[in-house]
Amino acid sequence: MKTLNTFIAMTSLITTSALAETINFDDAKPGEAPPGWTATKTGKGEAKWTIEKDGTAPSKPNVLKQSGEATYAVALKNDTSLKDGFVEVKFKPISGKEDQAGGVVWRAKDSDNYYIARANALEDNVTIYHTIKGKRSEKKRTNMKVATAQWHTLRADFNADHFTVTFDGKKAIEWDDKTFTEPGMVGVWTKADSVTLFDDFSYGSK
C-alpha cells in the first residue's frame, strides 16, 4: 500500500509539472527574435522583439526586449492552447514618452483577438481589456504603483469566465467575461513606444 501511495504521489507530481512551463530565453540567440514565438503587433507601426543580454535579468543572462513602436506590440507563444489556467511574466519598463507598459495575453486567437492585462509605469495602474478585431476596450482598472526601471511580476489566472489579475503578489483585478471562451495562445504585450524587458515567462493549464 505504501508503494502504491508513493506511486500515486509521484504520478501526481509529474502530471502537475507537465501542465506548467517557464521560459527564461537563456537558450535563445541574442539579437534575434525568440524562436517558437510569433513576434508581431496589433495595429500600425513596427514592433521589434529581440533576445538581449541584461545584467539585471531575474534569470540571467537573457531577456526578451521590445524596442519598436507600434499601436500594440504582441509576442505570442506558438505552441500554446489554454482555456483555463494562468500566464505570468516578470517585466521591467525601461522608457517611453507615450507609454511604459508590460502585459500578459491569454486565449489569443491571433494578434487581433485576445484578452490582455497590463501594468503601466507612466499611469501607475493595472488594467484589463479585451481586443476584438484589433480594437482594444478597457474593462476594469486599479491604481497601483508601477516603478520604471524595476522588475515586476504580472499574472492572470483564467477559469471559465472569471479572471484574476495579480501584480507583484497583490490582487489587482477580478473580472467576468464571455467574449473568448475557446482555448487560445498566451503571450506578452506592450504599447506604443514602450521599451520593455521580459523574463521568466510561465504558463500552465488547470
N, C-alpha and C. Protein backbone atom coordinates (compact mmCIF):
# COMPACT_ATOMS: atom_id res chain seq x y z
N MET A 1 0.83 -1.21 0.00
CA MET A 1 0.00 0.00 0.00
C MET A 1 0.86 1.25 0.00
N LYS A 2 1.95 1.21 0.80
CA LYS A 2 2.86 2.34 0.85
C LYS A 2 3.46 2.61 -0.52
N THR A 3 3.83 1.52 -1.22
CA THR A 3 4.40 1.66 -2.55
C THR A 3 3.40 2.28 -3.51
N LEU A 4 2.13 1.85 -3.42
CA LEU A 4 1.08 2.38 -4.27
C LEU A 4 0.87 3.87 -4.02
N ASN A 5 0.84 4.25 -2.74
CA ASN A 5 0.66 5.67 -2.39
C ASN A 5 1.81 6.52 -2.92
N THR A 6 3.03 5.97 -2.83
CA THR A 6 4.20 6.69 -3.34
C THR A 6 4.09 6.88 -4.84
N PHE A 7 3.65 5.81 -5.53
CA PHE A 7 3.49 5.88 -6.98
C PHE A 7 2.45 6.93 -7.36
N ILE A 8 1.33 6.95 -6.63
CA ILE A 8 0.27 7.92 -6.91
C ILE A 8 0.78 9.33 -6.70
N ALA A 9 1.53 9.54 -5.62
CA ALA A 9 2.08 10.86 -5.32
C ALA A 9 3.05 11.30 -6.40
N MET A 10 3.92 10.38 -6.85
CA MET A 10 4.88 10.71 -7.90
C MET A 10 4.17 11.02 -9.21
N THR A 11 3.14 10.23 -9.52
CA THR A 11 2.38 10.45 -10.74
C THR A 11 1.71 11.81 -10.71
N SER A 12 1.17 12.16 -9.54
CA SER A 12 0.51 13.46 -9.38
C SER A 12 1.50 14.60 -9.60
N LEU A 13 2.71 14.46 -9.06
CA LEU A 13 3.73 15.49 -9.22
C LEU A 13 4.14 15.63 -10.68
N ILE A 14 4.32 14.50 -11.34
CA ILE A 14 4.71 14.52 -12.75
C ILE A 14 3.63 15.17 -13.59
N THR A 15 2.36 14.81 -13.32
CA THR A 15 1.24 15.36 -14.07
C THR A 15 1.14 16.86 -13.87
N THR A 16 1.29 17.29 -12.59
CA THR A 16 1.19 18.71 -12.29
C THR A 16 2.29 19.50 -12.98
N SER A 17 3.52 19.00 -12.92
CA SER A 17 4.65 19.72 -13.51
C SER A 17 4.54 19.77 -15.03
N ALA A 18 3.89 18.76 -15.62
CA ALA A 18 3.75 18.73 -17.07
C ALA A 18 2.79 19.79 -17.57
N LEU A 19 1.95 20.32 -16.66
CA LEU A 19 0.96 21.30 -17.06
C LEU A 19 1.47 22.73 -17.02
N ALA A 20 2.68 22.93 -16.50
CA ALA A 20 3.23 24.29 -16.41
C ALA A 20 4.61 24.33 -17.04
N GLU A 21 4.93 25.49 -17.61
CA GLU A 21 6.24 25.65 -18.24
C GLU A 21 6.73 27.08 -18.02
N THR A 22 8.05 27.21 -17.82
CA THR A 22 8.67 28.53 -17.68
C THR A 22 9.72 28.70 -18.76
N ILE A 23 9.71 29.85 -19.41
CA ILE A 23 10.66 30.17 -20.47
C ILE A 23 11.49 31.36 -20.02
N ASN A 24 12.81 31.18 -19.94
CA ASN A 24 13.68 32.28 -19.48
C ASN A 24 14.53 32.87 -20.60
N PHE A 25 14.37 32.36 -21.81
CA PHE A 25 15.02 32.92 -23.01
C PHE A 25 16.55 32.75 -23.03
N ASP A 26 17.10 32.00 -22.09
CA ASP A 26 18.56 31.92 -21.98
C ASP A 26 19.20 31.02 -23.03
N ASP A 27 18.40 30.19 -23.69
CA ASP A 27 18.95 29.33 -24.75
C ASP A 27 18.82 29.97 -26.13
N ALA A 28 18.19 31.13 -26.19
CA ALA A 28 17.98 31.80 -27.48
C ALA A 28 19.17 32.69 -27.83
N LYS A 29 19.32 33.00 -29.10
CA LYS A 29 20.45 33.78 -29.59
C LYS A 29 20.18 35.28 -29.48
N PRO A 30 21.04 36.02 -28.78
CA PRO A 30 20.86 37.47 -28.67
C PRO A 30 20.83 38.16 -30.03
N GLY A 31 19.98 39.18 -30.11
CA GLY A 31 19.86 39.95 -31.34
C GLY A 31 18.82 39.43 -32.30
N GLU A 32 18.23 38.28 -32.00
CA GLU A 32 17.23 37.69 -32.88
C GLU A 32 15.89 37.58 -32.18
N ALA A 33 14.83 37.40 -32.97
CA ALA A 33 13.50 37.19 -32.40
C ALA A 33 13.47 35.83 -31.69
N PRO A 34 12.66 35.68 -30.66
CA PRO A 34 12.63 34.41 -29.92
C PRO A 34 12.09 33.27 -30.77
N PRO A 35 12.78 32.15 -30.86
CA PRO A 35 12.26 31.01 -31.63
C PRO A 35 11.03 30.42 -30.97
N GLY A 36 10.08 30.01 -31.79
CA GLY A 36 8.87 29.42 -31.24
C GLY A 36 7.81 30.43 -30.85
N TRP A 37 8.04 31.68 -31.21
CA TRP A 37 7.08 32.74 -30.92
C TRP A 37 6.69 33.46 -32.21
N THR A 38 5.48 34.01 -32.23
CA THR A 38 5.08 34.94 -33.28
C THR A 38 5.28 36.34 -32.73
N ALA A 39 6.35 36.99 -33.16
CA ALA A 39 6.70 38.33 -32.68
C ALA A 39 6.08 39.34 -33.63
N THR A 40 5.00 39.97 -33.22
CA THR A 40 4.20 40.74 -34.15
C THR A 40 3.61 41.97 -33.46
N LYS A 41 2.48 42.46 -34.00
CA LYS A 41 1.85 43.66 -33.47
C LYS A 41 0.35 43.60 -33.74
N THR A 42 -0.37 44.47 -33.05
CA THR A 42 -1.77 44.76 -33.35
C THR A 42 -1.82 46.20 -33.82
N GLY A 43 -2.38 46.43 -34.99
CA GLY A 43 -2.49 47.80 -35.49
C GLY A 43 -1.31 48.21 -36.33
N LYS A 44 -0.94 49.50 -36.24
CA LYS A 44 0.09 50.07 -37.09
C LYS A 44 1.45 50.10 -36.40
N GLY A 45 2.48 50.49 -37.18
CA GLY A 45 3.82 50.61 -36.65
C GLY A 45 4.65 49.36 -36.86
N GLU A 46 5.79 49.32 -36.20
CA GLU A 46 6.71 48.18 -36.31
C GLU A 46 7.20 47.79 -34.93
N ALA A 47 6.77 46.65 -34.47
CA ALA A 47 7.28 46.12 -33.22
C ALA A 47 8.67 45.54 -33.45
N LYS A 48 9.50 45.54 -32.42
CA LYS A 48 10.83 44.95 -32.52
C LYS A 48 11.07 44.09 -31.29
N TRP A 49 10.92 42.78 -31.47
CA TRP A 49 11.10 41.81 -30.39
C TRP A 49 12.44 41.11 -30.58
N THR A 50 13.35 41.25 -29.63
CA THR A 50 14.66 40.60 -29.74
C THR A 50 15.10 40.03 -28.40
N ILE A 51 15.92 39.00 -28.49
CA ILE A 51 16.59 38.46 -27.30
C ILE A 51 17.82 39.32 -27.02
N GLU A 52 17.99 39.73 -25.79
CA GLU A 52 19.14 40.56 -25.41
C GLU A 52 19.71 40.10 -24.07
N LYS A 53 21.01 40.34 -23.90
CA LYS A 53 21.62 40.07 -22.60
C LYS A 53 21.37 41.26 -21.68
N ASP A 54 21.06 40.96 -20.40
CA ASP A 54 20.80 42.04 -19.45
C ASP A 54 21.28 41.60 -18.06
N GLY A 55 22.15 42.43 -17.48
CA GLY A 55 22.74 42.08 -16.19
C GLY A 55 21.78 42.09 -15.04
N THR A 56 20.60 42.71 -15.23
CA THR A 56 19.61 42.76 -14.14
C THR A 56 18.56 41.67 -14.26
N ALA A 57 18.66 40.82 -15.27
CA ALA A 57 17.63 39.81 -15.52
C ALA A 57 17.40 38.93 -14.30
N PRO A 58 16.14 38.64 -13.96
CA PRO A 58 15.85 37.74 -12.84
C PRO A 58 16.50 36.38 -13.00
N SER A 59 16.54 35.86 -14.23
CA SER A 59 17.28 34.63 -14.53
C SER A 59 18.25 34.97 -15.66
N LYS A 60 19.48 35.18 -15.32
CA LYS A 60 20.49 35.63 -16.29
C LYS A 60 20.88 34.49 -17.24
N PRO A 61 21.35 34.84 -18.47
CA PRO A 61 21.73 36.20 -18.88
C PRO A 61 20.71 36.93 -19.75
N ASN A 62 19.73 36.20 -20.35
CA ASN A 62 18.94 36.81 -21.41
C ASN A 62 17.56 37.28 -20.98
N VAL A 63 17.04 38.24 -21.75
CA VAL A 63 15.67 38.71 -21.61
C VAL A 63 15.07 38.84 -23.01
N LEU A 64 13.77 39.00 -23.06
CA LEU A 64 13.07 39.35 -24.30
C LEU A 64 12.79 40.85 -24.25
N LYS A 65 13.25 41.58 -25.27
CA LYS A 65 13.13 43.03 -25.28
C LYS A 65 12.22 43.49 -26.42
N GLN A 66 11.33 44.43 -26.10
CA GLN A 66 10.53 45.09 -27.13
C GLN A 66 10.99 46.53 -27.21
N SER A 67 11.52 46.95 -28.37
CA SER A 67 12.07 48.29 -28.51
C SER A 67 11.57 49.02 -29.76
N GLY A 68 10.56 48.45 -30.41
CA GLY A 68 9.97 49.12 -31.57
C GLY A 68 8.85 50.06 -31.15
N GLU A 69 8.11 50.56 -32.14
CA GLU A 69 6.95 51.40 -31.88
C GLU A 69 5.79 50.89 -32.72
N ALA A 70 4.71 50.52 -32.04
CA ALA A 70 3.52 50.02 -32.72
C ALA A 70 2.30 50.36 -31.86
N THR A 71 1.14 50.28 -32.48
CA THR A 71 -0.08 50.51 -31.69
C THR A 71 -0.04 49.64 -30.45
N TYR A 72 0.11 48.32 -30.67
CA TYR A 72 0.35 47.37 -29.59
C TYR A 72 1.34 46.33 -30.12
N ALA A 73 2.41 46.12 -29.40
CA ALA A 73 3.37 45.07 -29.76
C ALA A 73 2.97 43.79 -29.03
N VAL A 74 2.89 42.69 -29.77
CA VAL A 74 2.41 41.43 -29.21
C VAL A 74 3.37 40.30 -29.60
N ALA A 75 3.72 39.47 -28.64
CA ALA A 75 4.50 38.26 -28.92
C ALA A 75 3.72 37.07 -28.37
N LEU A 76 3.34 36.15 -29.26
CA LEU A 76 2.52 35.01 -28.88
C LEU A 76 3.32 33.72 -28.93
N LYS A 77 3.19 32.89 -27.89
CA LYS A 77 3.88 31.59 -27.85
C LYS A 77 3.14 30.64 -28.76
N ASN A 78 3.83 30.15 -29.79
CA ASN A 78 3.17 29.43 -30.87
C ASN A 78 2.47 28.14 -30.45
N ASP A 79 3.09 27.35 -29.60
CA ASP A 79 2.57 26.01 -29.34
C ASP A 79 1.66 25.96 -28.12
N THR A 80 1.00 27.06 -27.79
CA THR A 80 0.14 27.09 -26.62
C THR A 80 -1.33 27.12 -27.02
N SER A 81 -2.15 26.46 -26.22
CA SER A 81 -3.60 26.46 -26.41
C SER A 81 -4.24 26.19 -25.05
N LEU A 82 -4.52 27.26 -24.33
CA LEU A 82 -5.05 27.15 -22.97
C LEU A 82 -6.45 27.74 -22.90
N LYS A 83 -7.33 27.01 -22.25
CA LYS A 83 -8.67 27.53 -21.97
C LYS A 83 -8.75 28.04 -20.54
N ASP A 84 -8.40 27.18 -19.59
CA ASP A 84 -8.35 27.55 -18.17
C ASP A 84 -6.94 27.36 -17.67
N GLY A 85 -6.39 28.37 -16.98
CA GLY A 85 -5.01 28.26 -16.50
C GLY A 85 -4.49 29.59 -16.01
N PHE A 86 -3.21 29.81 -16.26
CA PHE A 86 -2.58 31.06 -15.85
C PHE A 86 -1.48 31.43 -16.83
N VAL A 87 -1.14 32.71 -16.85
CA VAL A 87 0.03 33.20 -17.57
C VAL A 87 0.68 34.26 -16.69
N GLU A 88 2.00 34.21 -16.61
CA GLU A 88 2.74 35.10 -15.71
C GLU A 88 4.06 35.51 -16.36
N VAL A 89 4.50 36.72 -16.07
CA VAL A 89 5.79 37.17 -16.59
C VAL A 89 6.40 38.19 -15.64
N LYS A 90 7.71 38.23 -15.63
CA LYS A 90 8.43 39.32 -14.98
C LYS A 90 8.77 40.34 -16.07
N PHE A 91 8.55 41.61 -15.78
CA PHE A 91 8.82 42.63 -16.79
C PHE A 91 9.43 43.87 -16.13
N LYS A 92 10.18 44.61 -16.94
CA LYS A 92 10.85 45.82 -16.48
C LYS A 92 10.61 46.93 -17.50
N PRO A 93 9.79 47.94 -17.17
CA PRO A 93 9.61 49.07 -18.08
C PRO A 93 10.84 49.96 -18.06
N ILE A 94 11.40 50.20 -19.23
CA ILE A 94 12.65 50.97 -19.35
C ILE A 94 12.39 52.43 -19.70
N SER A 95 11.63 52.66 -20.76
CA SER A 95 11.39 54.02 -21.21
C SER A 95 10.16 54.07 -22.09
N GLY A 96 9.78 55.31 -22.44
CA GLY A 96 8.64 55.54 -23.31
C GLY A 96 7.96 56.84 -22.91
N LYS A 97 7.76 57.73 -23.89
CA LYS A 97 7.10 59.01 -23.61
C LYS A 97 5.59 58.86 -23.61
N GLU A 98 5.08 57.98 -24.48
CA GLU A 98 3.63 57.77 -24.56
C GLU A 98 3.17 56.69 -23.59
N ASP A 99 4.00 55.64 -23.45
CA ASP A 99 3.63 54.52 -22.59
C ASP A 99 4.87 53.83 -22.06
N GLN A 100 4.75 53.24 -20.88
CA GLN A 100 5.79 52.38 -20.31
C GLN A 100 5.07 51.18 -19.71
N ALA A 101 4.74 50.24 -20.57
CA ALA A 101 3.82 49.17 -20.17
C ALA A 101 4.39 47.79 -20.42
N GLY A 102 3.89 46.84 -19.64
CA GLY A 102 4.14 45.43 -19.85
C GLY A 102 2.86 44.67 -19.59
N GLY A 103 2.57 43.66 -20.42
CA GLY A 103 1.31 42.95 -20.26
C GLY A 103 1.41 41.48 -20.57
N VAL A 104 0.38 40.74 -20.15
CA VAL A 104 0.23 39.33 -20.50
C VAL A 104 -1.05 39.14 -21.30
N VAL A 105 -1.00 38.21 -22.23
CA VAL A 105 -2.11 37.91 -23.14
C VAL A 105 -2.56 36.48 -22.91
N TRP A 106 -3.86 36.23 -23.02
CA TRP A 106 -4.36 34.85 -22.93
C TRP A 106 -5.58 34.67 -23.84
N ARG A 107 -5.85 33.40 -24.15
CA ARG A 107 -6.92 32.99 -25.07
C ARG A 107 -6.87 33.75 -26.40
N ALA A 108 -5.66 33.96 -26.88
CA ALA A 108 -5.50 34.68 -28.14
C ALA A 108 -5.82 33.78 -29.33
N LYS A 109 -6.69 34.27 -30.21
CA LYS A 109 -6.93 33.59 -31.48
C LYS A 109 -5.82 33.94 -32.46
N ASP A 110 -5.41 35.21 -32.42
CA ASP A 110 -4.37 35.74 -33.28
C ASP A 110 -3.96 37.08 -32.70
N SER A 111 -3.21 37.87 -33.46
CA SER A 111 -2.71 39.14 -32.93
C SER A 111 -3.76 40.24 -32.88
N ASP A 112 -4.99 39.95 -33.29
CA ASP A 112 -6.07 40.93 -33.27
C ASP A 112 -7.20 40.57 -32.30
N ASN A 113 -7.14 39.38 -31.69
CA ASN A 113 -8.23 38.92 -30.84
C ASN A 113 -7.69 38.20 -29.61
N TYR A 114 -7.84 38.84 -28.43
CA TYR A 114 -7.26 38.27 -27.22
C TYR A 114 -7.69 39.07 -25.99
N TYR A 115 -7.46 38.47 -24.82
CA TYR A 115 -7.54 39.19 -23.55
C TYR A 115 -6.16 39.71 -23.19
N ILE A 116 -6.12 40.85 -22.51
CA ILE A 116 -4.85 41.45 -22.12
C ILE A 116 -4.98 42.12 -20.75
N ALA A 117 -4.02 41.87 -19.89
CA ALA A 117 -3.87 42.62 -18.64
C ALA A 117 -2.50 43.27 -18.68
N ARG A 118 -2.45 44.56 -18.32
CA ARG A 118 -1.18 45.27 -18.41
C ARG A 118 -0.99 46.20 -17.21
N ALA A 119 0.28 46.47 -16.91
CA ALA A 119 0.64 47.45 -15.89
C ALA A 119 1.42 48.56 -16.57
N ASN A 120 1.16 49.82 -16.17
CA ASN A 120 1.74 50.98 -16.84
C ASN A 120 2.46 51.87 -15.83
N ALA A 121 3.76 52.09 -16.06
CA ALA A 121 4.57 52.89 -15.13
C ALA A 121 4.32 54.38 -15.26
N LEU A 122 3.82 54.84 -16.41
CA LEU A 122 3.52 56.26 -16.55
C LEU A 122 2.21 56.62 -15.86
N GLU A 123 1.29 55.67 -15.80
CA GLU A 123 -0.02 55.93 -15.22
C GLU A 123 -0.19 55.36 -13.82
N ASP A 124 0.74 54.48 -13.41
CA ASP A 124 0.65 53.80 -12.11
C ASP A 124 -0.71 53.11 -11.95
N ASN A 125 -1.00 52.20 -12.90
CA ASN A 125 -2.23 51.41 -12.77
C ASN A 125 -2.09 50.07 -13.47
N VAL A 126 -3.02 49.18 -13.14
CA VAL A 126 -3.13 47.86 -13.76
C VAL A 126 -4.52 47.79 -14.37
N THR A 127 -4.59 47.35 -15.63
CA THR A 127 -5.85 47.39 -16.37
C THR A 127 -6.06 46.09 -17.13
N ILE A 128 -7.33 45.69 -17.26
CA ILE A 128 -7.68 44.50 -18.05
C ILE A 128 -8.55 44.95 -19.23
N TYR A 129 -8.32 44.31 -20.38
CA TYR A 129 -9.02 44.65 -21.61
C TYR A 129 -9.37 43.38 -22.38
N HIS A 130 -10.25 43.53 -23.38
CA HIS A 130 -10.25 42.57 -24.47
C HIS A 130 -10.00 43.32 -25.77
N THR A 131 -9.35 42.63 -26.69
CA THR A 131 -9.08 43.19 -28.01
C THR A 131 -9.83 42.34 -29.03
N ILE A 132 -10.73 42.99 -29.77
CA ILE A 132 -11.56 42.29 -30.75
C ILE A 132 -11.35 42.94 -32.11
N LYS A 133 -10.92 42.13 -33.07
CA LYS A 133 -10.63 42.62 -34.43
C LYS A 133 -9.71 43.84 -34.39
N GLY A 134 -8.72 43.78 -33.50
CA GLY A 134 -7.72 44.83 -33.43
C GLY A 134 -8.10 46.03 -32.58
N LYS A 135 -9.33 46.07 -32.05
CA LYS A 135 -9.78 47.19 -31.23
C LYS A 135 -9.77 46.81 -29.76
N ARG A 136 -9.00 47.55 -28.97
CA ARG A 136 -8.87 47.28 -27.54
C ARG A 136 -9.92 48.05 -26.76
N SER A 137 -10.58 47.38 -25.79
CA SER A 137 -11.59 48.02 -24.94
C SER A 137 -11.25 47.79 -23.48
N GLU A 138 -11.13 48.89 -22.74
CA GLU A 138 -10.83 48.77 -21.30
C GLU A 138 -12.06 48.29 -20.54
N LYS A 139 -11.82 47.37 -19.57
CA LYS A 139 -12.92 46.81 -18.80
C LYS A 139 -12.84 47.12 -17.31
N LYS A 140 -11.63 47.14 -16.77
CA LYS A 140 -11.50 47.41 -15.33
C LYS A 140 -10.09 47.89 -15.05
N ARG A 141 -9.96 48.83 -14.06
CA ARG A 141 -8.66 49.43 -13.77
C ARG A 141 -8.48 49.57 -12.26
N THR A 142 -7.23 49.38 -11.81
CA THR A 142 -6.87 49.58 -10.41
C THR A 142 -5.59 50.40 -10.34
N ASN A 143 -5.58 51.43 -9.51
CA ASN A 143 -4.38 52.24 -9.33
C ASN A 143 -3.40 51.52 -8.43
N MET A 144 -2.17 51.32 -8.92
CA MET A 144 -1.11 50.67 -8.17
C MET A 144 0.22 51.27 -8.62
N LYS A 145 1.18 51.38 -7.72
CA LYS A 145 2.48 51.92 -8.08
C LYS A 145 3.23 50.95 -8.98
N VAL A 146 3.63 51.44 -10.17
CA VAL A 146 4.41 50.65 -11.12
C VAL A 146 5.69 51.43 -11.41
N ALA A 147 6.79 51.03 -10.81
CA ALA A 147 8.03 51.81 -10.91
C ALA A 147 8.76 51.52 -12.22
N THR A 148 9.27 52.58 -12.84
CA THR A 148 10.14 52.44 -14.01
C THR A 148 11.49 51.88 -13.59
N ALA A 149 12.10 51.12 -14.49
CA ALA A 149 13.45 50.58 -14.29
C ALA A 149 13.53 49.62 -13.12
N GLN A 150 12.42 48.98 -12.79
CA GLN A 150 12.40 47.93 -11.77
C GLN A 150 11.65 46.72 -12.33
N TRP A 151 12.04 45.54 -11.86
CA TRP A 151 11.36 44.32 -12.27
C TRP A 151 10.07 44.14 -11.48
N HIS A 152 9.02 43.75 -12.18
CA HIS A 152 7.72 43.49 -11.58
C HIS A 152 7.22 42.13 -12.07
N THR A 153 6.23 41.60 -11.38
CA THR A 153 5.60 40.34 -11.78
C THR A 153 4.12 40.57 -12.03
N LEU A 154 3.67 40.19 -13.22
CA LEU A 154 2.27 40.34 -13.60
C LEU A 154 1.71 38.96 -13.94
N ARG A 155 0.53 38.66 -13.42
CA ARG A 155 -0.06 37.33 -13.61
C ARG A 155 -1.56 37.45 -13.85
N ALA A 156 -2.07 36.62 -14.74
CA ALA A 156 -3.51 36.50 -14.95
C ALA A 156 -3.90 35.04 -14.79
N ASP A 157 -4.88 34.78 -13.94
CA ASP A 157 -5.49 33.46 -13.80
C ASP A 157 -6.85 33.49 -14.46
N PHE A 158 -7.14 32.50 -15.27
CA PHE A 158 -8.40 32.50 -16.00
C PHE A 158 -9.06 31.12 -15.89
N ASN A 159 -10.31 31.15 -15.45
CA ASN A 159 -11.09 29.93 -15.24
C ASN A 159 -12.51 30.18 -15.72
N ALA A 160 -12.90 29.53 -16.81
CA ALA A 160 -14.20 29.77 -17.44
C ALA A 160 -14.32 31.26 -17.77
N ASP A 161 -15.32 31.95 -17.18
CA ASP A 161 -15.49 33.37 -17.49
C ASP A 161 -14.98 34.28 -16.38
N HIS A 162 -14.19 33.74 -15.45
CA HIS A 162 -13.69 34.53 -14.33
C HIS A 162 -12.17 34.72 -14.44
N PHE A 163 -11.72 35.98 -14.30
CA PHE A 163 -10.31 36.32 -14.44
C PHE A 163 -9.82 37.07 -13.20
N THR A 164 -8.61 36.73 -12.76
CA THR A 164 -7.98 37.41 -11.64
C THR A 164 -6.59 37.87 -12.07
N VAL A 165 -6.32 39.15 -11.89
CA VAL A 165 -5.03 39.72 -12.24
C VAL A 165 -4.28 40.07 -10.97
N THR A 166 -3.02 39.63 -10.90
CA THR A 166 -2.18 39.87 -9.73
C THR A 166 -0.93 40.64 -10.16
N PHE A 167 -0.58 41.66 -9.38
CA PHE A 167 0.60 42.47 -9.68
C PHE A 167 1.52 42.49 -8.46
N ASP A 168 2.76 42.04 -8.66
CA ASP A 168 3.75 41.97 -7.58
C ASP A 168 3.18 41.28 -6.34
N GLY A 169 2.45 40.19 -6.58
CA GLY A 169 1.93 39.37 -5.49
C GLY A 169 0.64 39.87 -4.85
N LYS A 170 0.10 40.99 -5.35
CA LYS A 170 -1.12 41.55 -4.77
C LYS A 170 -2.25 41.50 -5.80
N LYS A 171 -3.42 41.07 -5.35
CA LYS A 171 -4.57 41.01 -6.25
C LYS A 171 -4.93 42.41 -6.71
N ALA A 172 -5.03 42.59 -8.03
CA ALA A 172 -5.32 43.90 -8.59
C ALA A 172 -6.74 43.99 -9.15
N ILE A 173 -7.17 42.94 -9.86
CA ILE A 173 -8.45 42.99 -10.57
C ILE A 173 -9.10 41.61 -10.58
N GLU A 174 -10.42 41.61 -10.44
CA GLU A 174 -11.23 40.43 -10.75
C GLU A 174 -12.31 40.88 -11.73
N TRP A 175 -12.56 40.05 -12.74
CA TRP A 175 -13.49 40.44 -13.81
C TRP A 175 -14.07 39.19 -14.44
N ASP A 176 -15.32 39.29 -14.89
CA ASP A 176 -16.00 38.18 -15.56
C ASP A 176 -16.38 38.60 -16.98
N ASP A 177 -16.16 37.68 -17.93
CA ASP A 177 -16.47 37.99 -19.33
C ASP A 177 -16.55 36.70 -20.13
N LYS A 178 -17.37 36.73 -21.19
CA LYS A 178 -17.55 35.55 -22.03
C LYS A 178 -17.24 35.81 -23.50
N THR A 179 -16.41 36.81 -23.78
CA THR A 179 -16.09 37.12 -25.17
C THR A 179 -15.32 35.99 -25.84
N PHE A 180 -14.23 35.55 -25.21
CA PHE A 180 -13.41 34.45 -25.75
C PHE A 180 -13.51 33.27 -24.80
N THR A 181 -14.17 32.21 -25.24
CA THR A 181 -14.39 31.04 -24.38
C THR A 181 -13.58 29.82 -24.81
N GLU A 182 -13.01 29.88 -26.01
CA GLU A 182 -12.25 28.74 -26.53
C GLU A 182 -10.77 28.83 -26.13
N PRO A 183 -10.05 27.72 -26.14
CA PRO A 183 -8.61 27.77 -25.85
C PRO A 183 -7.87 28.67 -26.83
N GLY A 184 -6.80 29.29 -26.35
CA GLY A 184 -6.02 30.16 -27.22
C GLY A 184 -4.60 30.29 -26.74
N MET A 185 -3.82 31.06 -27.47
CA MET A 185 -2.41 31.25 -27.15
C MET A 185 -2.22 32.22 -25.99
N VAL A 186 -1.06 32.11 -25.36
CA VAL A 186 -0.66 33.08 -24.34
C VAL A 186 0.57 33.84 -24.86
N GLY A 187 0.84 35.00 -24.25
CA GLY A 187 1.97 35.79 -24.72
C GLY A 187 2.19 37.02 -23.88
N VAL A 188 2.99 37.94 -24.44
CA VAL A 188 3.30 39.20 -23.77
C VAL A 188 2.99 40.37 -24.70
N TRP A 189 3.00 41.59 -24.13
CA TRP A 189 2.41 42.73 -24.84
C TRP A 189 3.02 44.03 -24.35
N THR A 190 3.16 45.02 -25.23
CA THR A 190 3.45 46.39 -24.84
C THR A 190 2.64 47.32 -25.72
N LYS A 191 2.76 48.62 -25.46
CA LYS A 191 2.01 49.60 -26.22
C LYS A 191 2.91 50.74 -26.68
N ALA A 192 2.62 51.22 -27.89
CA ALA A 192 3.22 52.46 -28.40
C ALA A 192 4.75 52.41 -28.38
N ASP A 193 5.37 53.40 -27.69
CA ASP A 193 6.84 53.49 -27.68
C ASP A 193 7.47 52.86 -26.43
N SER A 194 6.73 51.99 -25.76
CA SER A 194 7.28 51.32 -24.57
C SER A 194 8.51 50.50 -24.93
N VAL A 195 9.59 50.74 -24.23
CA VAL A 195 10.74 49.84 -24.28
C VAL A 195 10.67 49.02 -22.99
N THR A 196 10.46 47.73 -23.15
CA THR A 196 10.17 46.86 -22.01
C THR A 196 10.96 45.56 -22.12
N LEU A 197 11.47 45.09 -20.98
CA LEU A 197 12.15 43.80 -20.90
C LEU A 197 11.23 42.78 -20.24
N PHE A 198 11.32 41.53 -20.72
CA PHE A 198 10.54 40.44 -20.16
C PHE A 198 11.45 39.27 -19.82
N ASP A 199 11.10 38.55 -18.76
CA ASP A 199 11.86 37.35 -18.37
C ASP A 199 10.94 36.41 -17.62
N ASP A 200 11.37 35.15 -17.51
CA ASP A 200 10.65 34.13 -16.75
C ASP A 200 9.16 34.11 -17.10
N PHE A 201 8.88 33.92 -18.36
CA PHE A 201 7.50 33.78 -18.84
C PHE A 201 7.01 32.38 -18.50
N SER A 202 5.93 32.30 -17.75
CA SER A 202 5.42 30.99 -17.36
C SER A 202 3.92 30.91 -17.63
N TYR A 203 3.46 29.68 -17.87
CA TYR A 203 2.05 29.46 -18.13
C TYR A 203 1.71 28.01 -17.80
N GLY A 204 0.44 27.76 -17.60
CA GLY A 204 0.00 26.39 -17.31
C GLY A 204 -1.50 26.28 -17.38
N SER A 205 -1.97 25.07 -17.57
CA SER A 205 -3.41 24.81 -17.63
C SER A 205 -3.90 24.26 -16.30
N LYS A 206 -5.19 24.37 -16.09
CA LYS A 206 -5.81 23.87 -14.86
C LYS A 206 -6.81 22.80 -15.18
